[in-house]
Amino acid sequence: MRPRAVAVLPRWAKALVVVVVVLALLFTGLRLMNRLDDVFGTETHDRSGPALLKSVRDLSRYDAASGNFQVVVDLEKDTKYLPDALRGTRTLYIGAGTVDAYVDLGKVGSGDVRVNKDRTSATLRLPHAQLGRPALDTDRSYAVSKQRGLLDRLGDLFSDNPNDERAVRKLASKHIGDAAKDSGLTDRAERNTTDMLSGLLRSLGFEKVKVSYAT
């Protein structure tokens, strides 16, 4: 009888088999760790130190209006010549935050305030309202879905911050800031500032109050 021929796998095939086996063991180990956490439970301990005061600065601005915004961020990153299933990420993120509009009263000079001799009329010239930086609300912002390629998932195993969302948060803040520019928030802030100062000066005895905004 002739001996049967035994198929010999090429080296690249053997290496591929080893990689598949290693990946299977890694994912099995991760699933086992998650199950162990469910069985034994986990505890969280806050060992943070006290907050330290680094600096203090005086504020002279009047926050006259605040807008709440929400944006849906769809951020996708691809790699040339590689399929998305192997290398690539896509994150769907709901970003919620606020933007304040304020008038900087610290820029008002002595020549910008005029009062008549009888102190019954006052004219004020203020700088135009400005928009503050968008403040993202982490309690109302969250990732709806995350799609990651195989290589990206493996990279997360050795990453110090595998769930890093800085890119989508930065993009959400940018979109919220752009929306605030078109929302008429600064106009509303100037109207509110005018009403506030008019009411304050009238309570001090001024009968006529005029507030204008410089270009």
Protein backbone atom coordinates (compact mmCIF):
# COMPACT_ATOMS: atom_id res chain seq x y z
CA MET A 1 0.00 0.00 0.00
CA ARG A 2 1.19 3.44 -0.85
CA PRO A 3 1.48 5.88 2.08
CA ARG A 4 -1.10 8.63 2.05
CA ALA A 5 0.12 12.11 1.12
CA VAL A 6 -0.01 14.55 4.00
CA ALA A 7 -0.93 18.15 3.08
CA VAL A 8 1.66 20.62 4.32
CA LEU A 9 0.43 24.12 5.03
CA PRO A 10 2.58 27.00 3.86
CA ARG A 11 4.21 29.21 6.48
CA TRP A 12 1.84 32.13 5.96
CA ALA A 13 -1.14 29.84 6.52
CA LYS A 14 0.36 28.53 9.75
CA ALA A 15 0.98 32.08 10.93
CA LEU A 16 -2.62 32.99 10.10
CA VAL A 17 -3.90 30.03 12.10
CA VAL A 18 -1.78 31.09 15.10
CA VAL A 19 -3.11 34.66 14.90
CA VAL A 20 -6.71 33.43 14.77
CA VAL A 21 -6.15 31.18 17.76
CA VAL A 22 -4.54 34.00 19.77
CA LEU A 23 -7.40 36.36 18.95
CA ALA A 24 -9.95 33.75 19.94
CA LEU A 25 -8.18 33.24 23.28
CA LEU A 26 -8.05 36.99 23.90
CA PHE A 27 -11.75 37.52 23.26
CA THR A 28 -12.59 34.44 25.33
CA GLY A 29 -10.52 35.81 28.18
CA LEU A 30 -12.26 39.18 27.97
CA ARG A 31 -15.68 37.54 28.09
CA LEU A 32 -14.60 35.46 31.07
CA MET A 33 -13.38 38.56 32.91
CA ASN A 34 -16.72 40.29 32.28
CA ARG A 35 -18.58 37.27 33.65
CA LEU A 36 -16.36 37.21 36.73
CA ASP A 37 -17.14 40.89 37.32
CA ASP A 38 -20.86 40.09 37.15
CA VAL A 39 -20.45 37.24 39.66
CA PHE A 40 -18.20 38.90 42.22
CA GLY A 41 -19.24 42.50 41.62
CA THR A 42 -17.02 45.57 41.55
CA GLU A 43 -16.46 48.38 44.02
CA THR A 44 -15.47 51.98 43.31
CA HIS A 45 -13.29 53.95 45.71
CA ASP A 46 -12.63 57.67 45.34
CA ARG A 47 -9.12 58.38 46.63
CA SER A 48 -8.77 61.76 44.96
CA GLY A 49 -6.95 64.50 46.80
CA PRO A 50 -8.47 67.88 47.69
CA ALA A 51 -8.93 70.45 44.92
CA LEU A 52 -6.24 73.12 44.90
CA LEU A 53 -6.89 76.78 44.12
CA LYS A 54 -4.51 77.69 41.30
CA SER A 55 -5.54 81.27 40.51
CA VAL A 56 -8.21 83.90 41.05
CA ARG A 57 -9.32 86.59 38.64
CA ASP A 58 -11.97 89.28 38.89
CA LEU A 59 -14.89 89.16 36.48
CA SER A 60 -16.45 92.30 35.08
CA ARG A 61 -18.76 90.78 32.51
CA TYR A 62 -22.51 90.51 32.72
CA ASP A 63 -23.87 87.15 31.56
CA ALA A 64 -27.09 88.29 29.95
CA ALA A 65 -28.29 85.20 28.05
CA SER A 66 -27.63 81.49 27.81
CA GLY A 67 -28.61 79.02 25.10
CA ASN A 68 -29.01 75.24 25.33
CA PHE A 69 -27.97 73.26 22.26
CA GLN A 70 -27.88 69.65 21.14
CA VAL A 71 -26.04 68.16 18.17
CA VAL A 72 -25.65 64.70 16.67
CA VAL A 73 -22.01 64.01 15.73
CA ASP A 74 -21.27 61.25 13.23
CA LEU A 75 -17.47 60.90 13.12
CA GLU A 76 -15.87 58.31 10.86
CA LYS A 77 -12.16 57.61 10.41
CA ASP A 78 -10.94 55.38 7.59
CA THR A 79 -7.56 53.99 6.64
CA LYS A 80 -6.40 53.84 3.04
CA TYR A 81 -6.11 50.41 1.45
CA LEU A 82 -7.67 48.67 4.47
CA PRO A 83 -11.32 47.65 4.90
CA ASP A 84 -13.35 49.21 7.72
CA ALA A 85 -13.79 45.81 9.33
CA LEU A 86 -10.02 45.62 9.82
CA ARG A 87 -9.04 49.22 10.52
CA GLY A 88 -11.44 52.12 11.01
CA THR A 89 -13.76 53.73 13.53
CA ARG A 90 -17.18 55.34 13.43
CA THR A 91 -18.81 57.00 16.45
CA LEU A 92 -22.33 58.35 16.74
CA TYR A 93 -22.38 60.88 19.59
CA ILE A 94 -25.10 63.06 21.11
CA GLY A 95 -23.58 66.31 22.37
CA ALA A 96 -25.53 68.68 24.62
CA GLY A 97 -24.19 71.92 26.00
CA THR A 98 -24.68 75.60 26.69
CA VAL A 99 -23.26 78.84 25.38
CA ASP A 100 -23.42 82.11 27.34
CA ALA A 101 -23.63 85.56 25.81
CA TYR A 102 -22.16 88.38 27.88
CA VAL A 103 -21.33 92.08 27.83
CA ASP A 104 -17.88 93.01 29.10
CA LEU A 105 -18.56 95.96 31.41
CA GLY A 106 -14.84 96.17 32.22
CA LYS A 107 -14.26 97.79 28.82
CA VAL A 108 -16.57 100.73 29.58
CA GLY A 109 -14.46 103.89 29.91
CA SER A 110 -15.17 107.19 31.63
CA GLY A 111 -16.17 108.76 28.31
CA ASP A 112 -18.77 106.05 27.72
CA VAL A 113 -20.98 107.16 30.61
CA ARG A 114 -22.62 110.59 30.58
CA VAL A 115 -24.85 112.00 33.30
CA ASN A 116 -26.53 115.44 33.28
CA LYS A 117 -26.11 117.90 36.13
CA ASP A 118 -29.49 117.13 37.67
CA ARG A 119 -28.71 113.41 37.61
CA THR A 120 -31.99 112.70 35.88
CA SER A 121 -30.60 111.54 32.51
CA ALA A 122 -27.89 109.00 31.75
CA THR A 123 -26.36 107.83 28.49
CA LEU A 124 -24.25 104.69 28.35
CA ARG A 125 -22.22 103.26 25.50
CA LEU A 126 -21.28 99.62 25.90
CA PRO A 127 -19.30 97.11 23.85
CA HIS A 128 -21.28 94.61 21.84
CA ALA A 129 -22.19 91.31 23.45
CA GLN A 130 -19.88 88.35 22.89
CA LEU A 131 -20.25 84.59 23.03
CA GLY A 132 -18.46 82.53 25.63
CA ARG A 133 -16.92 79.14 25.03
CA PRO A 134 -19.32 76.22 24.58
CA ALA A 135 -19.69 74.18 27.76
CA LEU A 136 -20.41 70.52 27.02
CA ASP A 137 -22.72 68.86 29.55
CA THR A 138 -21.21 65.43 30.22
CA ASP A 139 -24.36 64.26 32.00
CA ARG A 140 -26.48 64.82 28.89
CA SER A 141 -23.84 63.88 26.29
CA TYR A 142 -23.25 60.26 25.38
CA ALA A 143 -22.13 57.91 22.61
CA VAL A 144 -25.01 56.18 20.86
CA SER A 145 -22.88 53.64 19.00
CA LYS A 146 -19.22 52.83 18.36
CA GLN A 147 -17.97 50.76 15.46
CA ARG A 148 -14.33 49.76 15.51
CA GLY A 149 -12.20 47.60 13.25
CA LEU A 150 -10.42 44.48 14.46
CA LEU A 151 -7.03 46.19 14.75
CA ASP A 152 -8.56 49.10 16.65
CA ARG A 153 -10.17 46.69 19.12
CA LEU A 154 -6.83 45.02 19.69
CA GLY A 155 -5.21 48.40 20.20
CA ASP A 156 -7.77 49.19 22.90
CA LEU A 157 -6.49 46.24 24.92
CA PHE A 158 -3.12 47.95 25.33
CA SER A 159 -4.38 51.53 25.52
CA ASP A 160 -4.46 53.58 28.71
CA ASN A 161 -7.71 55.20 27.59
CA PRO A 162 -9.58 52.81 25.28
CA ASN A 163 -12.84 54.78 25.39
CA ASP A 164 -11.29 58.11 24.45
CA GLU A 165 -14.00 60.45 23.15
CA ARG A 166 -12.01 63.67 22.95
CA ALA A 167 -12.36 63.90 19.18
CA VAL A 168 -16.16 63.71 19.13
CA ARG A 169 -16.45 66.00 22.16
CA LYS A 170 -14.28 68.60 20.48
CA LEU A 171 -16.34 68.34 17.30
CA ALA A 172 -19.59 68.60 19.27
CA SER A 173 -18.35 71.76 21.01
CA LYS A 174 -17.42 73.26 17.65
CA HIS A 175 -20.86 72.57 16.15
CA ILE A 176 -22.57 73.99 19.24
CA GLY A 177 -20.44 77.14 19.02
CA ASP A 178 -21.29 77.54 15.33
CA ALA A 179 -24.99 77.14 16.09
CA ALA A 180 -24.78 79.79 18.82
CA LYS A 181 -23.43 82.32 16.30
CA ASP A 182 -26.58 81.98 14.20
CA SER A 183 -29.03 81.83 17.10
CA GLY A 184 -29.34 85.57 17.81
CA LEU A 185 -28.04 84.99 21.33
CA THR A 186 -25.90 88.14 21.37
CA ASP A 187 -28.85 90.31 20.33
CA ARG A 188 -30.88 88.89 23.18
CA ALA A 189 -28.00 89.51 25.59
CA GLU A 190 -27.83 93.17 24.59
CA ARG A 191 -31.57 93.62 25.09
CA ASN A 192 -31.36 91.99 28.52
CA THR A 193 -28.38 94.15 29.47
CA THR A 194 -30.25 97.27 28.40
CA ASP A 195 -33.27 96.29 30.48
CA MET A 196 -31.10 95.51 33.50
CA LEU A 197 -29.19 98.81 33.44
CA SER A 198 -32.30 100.85 32.69
CA GLY A 199 -34.12 99.33 35.63
CA LEU A 200 -31.13 99.80 37.93
CA LEU A 201 -30.58 103.45 37.05
CA ARG A 202 -34.26 104.28 37.24
CA SER A 203 -34.35 102.79 40.72
CA LEU A 204 -31.56 105.26 41.60
CA GLY A 205 -33.67 108.24 40.47
CA PHE A 206 -32.77 108.60 36.78
CA GLU A 207 -35.77 109.41 34.62
CA LYS A 208 -34.17 108.95 31.21
CA VAL A 209 -31.72 106.20 30.40
CA LYS A 210 -30.23 105.53 26.97
CA VAL A 211 -28.03 102.53 26.29
CA SER A 212 -26.20 102.06 22.99
CA TYR A 213 -23.57 99.60 21.76
CA ALA A 214 -20.37 100.59 20.01
CA THR A 215 -19.19 98.89 16.83
